[in-house]
Protein backbone atom coordinates (compact mmCIF):
# COMPACT_ATOMS: atom_id res chain seq x y z
CA UNK A 1 -65.15 185.77 -134.79
CA UNK A 2 -68.72 184.38 -134.75
CA UNK A 3 -68.25 181.87 -137.41
CA UNK A 4 -65.28 179.82 -135.68
CA UNK A 5 -67.25 180.17 -132.48
CA UNK A 6 -70.10 178.43 -133.95
CA UNK A 7 -68.14 175.98 -135.74
CA UNK A 8 -66.84 174.81 -132.73
CA UNK A 9 -70.24 174.52 -130.84
CA UNK A 10 -71.07 172.50 -133.72
CA UNK A 11 -67.93 170.25 -133.03
CA UNK A 12 -69.29 170.33 -129.12
CA UNK A 13 -72.52 168.99 -130.10
CA UNK A 14 -71.69 166.36 -132.56
CA UNK A 15 -69.48 164.21 -130.23
CA UNK A 16 -71.41 164.93 -127.39
CA UNK A 17 -74.87 163.90 -129.44
CA UNK A 18 -72.26 160.65 -131.43
CA UNK A 19 -70.16 160.13 -128.61
CA UNK A 20 -72.38 159.44 -125.65
CA UNK A 21 -70.95 162.85 -124.02
CA UNK A 22 -67.91 161.13 -123.33
CA UNK A 23 -67.28 157.61 -125.23
CA UNK A 24 -65.17 158.46 -128.50
CA UNK A 25 -67.75 158.47 -131.83
CA UNK A 26 -66.59 154.79 -132.54
CA UNK A 27 -66.28 153.49 -129.78
CA UNK A 28 -69.69 154.03 -128.95
CA UNK A 29 -71.18 152.89 -132.19
CA UNK A 30 -69.62 149.23 -131.44
CA UNK A 31 -72.28 146.87 -130.50
CA UNK A 32 -72.51 145.28 -127.60
CA UNK A 33 -73.16 141.68 -126.15
CA UNK A 34 -73.27 140.52 -130.03
CA UNK A 35 -73.99 136.56 -129.59
CA UNK A 36 -75.79 133.14 -130.99
CA UNK A 37 -79.24 132.38 -129.86
CA UNK A 38 -79.76 128.89 -131.52
CA UNK A 39 -83.01 126.87 -131.14
CA UNK A 40 -83.02 123.32 -132.61
CA UNK A 41 -80.77 124.43 -135.16
CA UNK A 42 -81.85 127.76 -136.06
CA UNK A 43 -78.98 130.13 -135.23
CA UNK A 44 -79.58 133.78 -135.16
CA UNK A 45 -76.77 136.16 -134.36
CA UNK A 46 -78.18 139.10 -131.81
CA UNK A 47 -76.74 142.23 -130.24
CA UNK A 48 -77.31 145.67 -128.56
CA UNK A 49 -76.29 148.72 -129.72
CA UNK A 50 -73.09 150.18 -128.44
CA UNK A 51 -74.88 152.73 -126.14
CA UNK A 52 -77.96 154.54 -124.57
CA UNK A 53 -77.08 157.46 -126.97
CA UNK A 54 -76.84 155.39 -130.32
CA UNK A 55 -78.76 157.54 -133.08
CA UNK A 56 -82.11 155.31 -134.18
CA UNK A 57 -81.00 156.24 -137.93
CA UNK A 58 -77.73 154.05 -137.15
CA UNK A 59 -77.34 150.72 -139.16
CA UNK A 60 -75.62 147.66 -138.98
CA UNK A 61 -73.39 145.10 -141.18
CA UNK A 62 -73.29 141.33 -140.33
CA UNK A 63 -70.52 138.99 -141.42
CA UNK A 64 -69.74 135.42 -140.58
CA UNK A 65 -67.12 132.60 -141.68
CA UNK A 66 -65.86 129.33 -139.76
CA UNK A 67 -63.13 129.40 -137.19
CA UNK A 68 -59.48 128.96 -139.45
CA UNK A 69 -60.36 130.93 -142.45
CA UNK A 70 -58.90 134.13 -142.67
CA UNK A 71 -61.47 135.81 -144.98
CA UNK A 72 -65.15 137.04 -143.06
CA UNK A 73 -68.38 136.52 -145.92
CA UNK A 74 -70.91 139.35 -145.95
CA UNK A 75 -74.47 138.36 -145.16
CA UNK A 76 -76.28 140.38 -147.99
CA UNK A 77 -79.66 140.44 -145.88
CA UNK A 78 -78.15 141.80 -143.00
CA UNK A 79 -75.81 144.35 -144.56
CA UNK A 80 -76.85 148.15 -143.53
CA UNK A 81 -80.16 146.77 -141.95
CA UNK A 82 -82.02 148.70 -138.64
CA UNK A 83 -82.61 145.25 -136.93
CA UNK A 84 -80.44 144.45 -134.05
CA UNK A 85 -80.56 140.52 -135.08
CA UNK A 86 -79.72 138.39 -138.12
CA UNK A 87 -80.72 134.67 -138.79
CA UNK A 88 -77.29 132.92 -139.72
CA UNK A 89 -79.04 129.75 -139.90
CA UNK A 90 -78.17 128.48 -144.01
CA UNK A 91 -74.40 130.02 -143.28
CA UNK A 92 -74.24 127.38 -140.16
CA UNK A 93 -75.16 124.59 -141.85
CA UNK A 94 -72.74 122.30 -140.74
CA UNK A 95 -73.22 122.15 -137.60
CA UNK A 96 -70.38 120.78 -136.02
CA UNK A 97 -67.98 123.38 -137.37
CA UNK A 98 -67.18 126.42 -135.14
CA UNK A 99 -68.25 129.81 -136.56
CA UNK A 100 -67.56 133.20 -136.03
CA UNK A 101 -70.04 136.22 -136.76
CA UNK A 102 -69.35 139.91 -135.91
CA UNK A 103 -71.18 143.52 -136.56
CA UNK A 104 -70.42 146.86 -137.11
CA UNK A 105 -72.67 149.74 -136.92
CA UNK A 106 -72.70 153.08 -139.07
CA UNK A 107 -74.12 156.46 -138.35
CA UNK A 108 -74.10 159.46 -140.07
CA UNK A 109 -71.18 158.57 -142.46
CA UNK A 110 -69.26 157.12 -139.37
CA UNK A 111 -68.58 153.63 -138.92
CA UNK A 112 -67.05 151.96 -135.60
CA UNK A 113 -65.49 148.67 -135.18
CA UNK A 114 -66.14 145.37 -135.59
CA UNK A 115 -67.78 143.37 -132.73
CA UNK A 116 -66.88 139.61 -133.11
CA UNK A 117 -68.59 136.71 -130.97
CA UNK A 118 -67.47 133.60 -129.04
CA UNK A 119 -66.38 131.06 -131.23
CA UNK A 120 -69.79 128.90 -131.94
CA UNK A 121 -70.78 125.16 -132.32
CA UNK A 122 -74.78 124.81 -133.50
CA UNK A 123 -74.52 121.32 -132.47
CA UNK A 124 -73.26 121.88 -129.08
CA UNK A 125 -74.27 125.03 -128.36
CA UNK A 126 -78.30 124.60 -129.96
CA UNK A 127 -81.23 124.45 -127.35
CA UNK A 128 -83.46 121.29 -128.12
CA UNK A 129 -87.17 121.60 -128.58
CA UNK A 130 -89.96 120.12 -126.21
CA UNK A 131 -91.02 116.12 -127.79
CA UNK A 132 -94.34 116.59 -129.04
CA UNK A 133 -96.70 113.53 -128.25
CA UNK A 134 -99.82 111.45 -130.07
CA UNK A 135 -101.68 110.17 -127.67
CA UNK A 136 -104.58 106.68 -128.03
CA UNK A 137 -106.14 105.70 -125.20
CA UNK A 138 -107.21 102.20 -124.27
CA UNK A 139 -109.09 100.35 -121.42
CA UNK A 140 -106.03 100.42 -118.62
CA UNK A 141 -102.68 101.89 -120.23
CA UNK A 142 -102.43 104.79 -123.01
CA UNK A 143 -100.26 104.40 -126.14
CA UNK A 144 -97.78 107.32 -126.65
CA UNK A 145 -95.80 107.83 -129.86
CA UNK A 146 -93.02 110.72 -129.35
CA UNK A 147 -91.82 112.51 -131.60
CA UNK A 148 -88.52 115.05 -131.73
CA UNK A 149 -88.91 118.23 -133.32
CA UNK A 150 -87.23 119.22 -136.72
CA UNK A 151 -84.19 121.10 -137.54
CA UNK A 152 -84.93 124.04 -139.99
CA UNK A 153 -83.06 122.28 -142.90
CA UNK A 154 -84.47 120.17 -145.41
CA UNK A 155 -83.79 116.98 -146.92
CA UNK A 156 -84.14 116.09 -150.87
CA UNK A 157 -87.61 115.65 -151.15
CA UNK A 158 -88.24 119.23 -149.34
CA UNK A 159 -89.30 118.09 -145.45
CA UNK A 160 -87.83 119.44 -142.46
CA UNK A 161 -84.94 117.32 -141.31
CA UNK A 162 -85.50 115.85 -137.84
CA UNK A 163 -83.02 116.83 -135.08
CA UNK A 164 -82.97 112.86 -134.16
CA UNK A 165 -80.61 112.99 -137.41
CA UNK A 166 -77.96 115.06 -135.72
CA UNK A 167 -78.34 113.47 -132.37
CA UNK A 168 -78.49 110.32 -130.20
CA UNK A 169 -81.85 110.53 -128.65
CA UNK A 170 -82.98 108.93 -125.38
CA UNK A 171 -86.36 109.11 -124.79
CA UNK A 172 -87.73 109.70 -120.73
CA UNK A 173 -91.33 108.74 -120.03
CA UNK A 174 -92.71 109.95 -116.59
CA UNK A 175 -96.51 109.20 -114.89
CA UNK A 176 -97.26 112.22 -112.55
CA UNK A 177 -100.35 111.85 -109.93
CA UNK A 178 -101.17 114.84 -107.97
CA UNK A 179 -103.20 113.42 -105.83
CA UNK A 180 -100.43 111.13 -104.75
CA UNK A 181 -97.65 113.55 -105.38
CA UNK A 182 -96.56 111.09 -107.39
CA UNK A 183 -93.65 111.11 -110.14
CA UNK A 184 -92.38 107.72 -111.60
CA UNK A 185 -90.02 106.90 -114.43
CA UNK A 186 -91.77 104.57 -116.42
CA UNK A 187 -89.53 104.32 -119.62
CA UNK A 188 -85.93 105.83 -120.61
CA UNK A 189 -84.70 104.24 -124.04
CA UNK A 190 -84.55 104.99 -127.79
CA UNK A 191 -87.59 103.61 -129.21
CA UNK A 192 -90.54 107.05 -129.89
CA UNK A 193 -93.75 104.24 -129.23
CA UNK A 194 -94.23 103.59 -125.58
CA UNK A 195 -97.18 101.90 -124.01
CA UNK A 196 -97.67 103.06 -120.07
CA UNK A 197 -99.97 102.18 -117.65
CA UNK A 198 -102.17 104.22 -115.82
CA UNK A 199 -103.57 104.24 -112.50
CA UNK A 200 -107.30 103.03 -112.23
CA UNK A 201 -109.67 105.61 -111.03
CA UNK A 202 -107.12 108.56 -110.52
CA UNK A 203 -105.91 111.73 -113.44
CA UNK A 204 -102.48 110.91 -114.25
CA UNK A 205 -100.07 113.07 -116.29
CA UNK A 206 -97.71 112.06 -118.86
CA UNK A 207 -94.10 114.28 -119.04
CA UNK A 208 -92.14 113.19 -121.46
CA UNK A 209 -88.47 114.54 -122.77
CA UNK A 210 -85.47 114.41 -124.83
CA UNK A 211 -81.83 113.29 -122.97
CA UNK A 212 -78.53 114.12 -125.39
CA UNK A 213 -75.89 111.23 -123.85
CA UNK A 214 -73.28 112.96 -125.96
CA UNK A 215 -74.20 116.48 -124.49
CA UNK A 216 -75.45 115.67 -120.97
CA UNK A 217 -78.45 117.52 -121.73
CA UNK A 218 -82.20 117.35 -121.49
CA UNK A 219 -84.84 119.12 -123.89
CA UNK A 220 -87.46 120.98 -122.19
CA UNK A 221 -90.22 118.65 -120.96
CA UNK A 222 -93.78 118.28 -122.64
CA UNK A 223 -96.64 117.12 -120.50
CA UNK A 224 -100.41 116.09 -120.77
CA UNK A 225 -103.09 115.36 -118.31
CA UNK A 226 -106.08 113.98 -117.35
CA UNK A 227 -105.79 110.60 -118.43
CA UNK A 228 -107.88 108.38 -115.99
CA UNK A 229 -107.63 104.65 -115.88
CA UNK A 230 -111.30 103.03 -115.30
CA UNK A 231 -112.31 101.85 -111.76
CA UNK A 232 -111.52 97.86 -111.42
């Protein structure tokens, strides 16, 4: 009788710990908020534990596929990991294809159900980082060379391919002057070399961004300040 009582207590405690007190074990293990996060076409799958009571020794398994494929492919580097993210940049290199990712968790020999992402198209959903600016200052103007960020993918010579190889880029350049509370667009176009006049005798800031007309979306902006043209 004592043995039976101990066994029942063990079962109650086991399902309380691994089931979150109320949820079935498999359901409590299922990863939550699974989604791709992409920056300059570097695409990483993120997720959260299934519940607050998910054990610390929980491991995760990741698979992916292109939309329309029947078979899922294991991501070997993310098979039985403790981390809550997995880099799928190389697996999503055909950036205009739609992809799915899925994750399942296991703990103490119990496997949860697969949790699946929404359809993900890297080209459409990635966020483009800020443009970098090289500056040469002349007497009354500054010459700007605008550099689009690189993608994580490499070309035949081993160099990273620029984002401009994947998108039609339009550069926008503004001049701001805090003392005059002024912001003026001085250039918009595809040329990455721009000459801008600066206001004599005052501090000027240059703000540049990339606009993607195909997506009707802009990158984060870059600001460089303290350009002063001499007094006339």
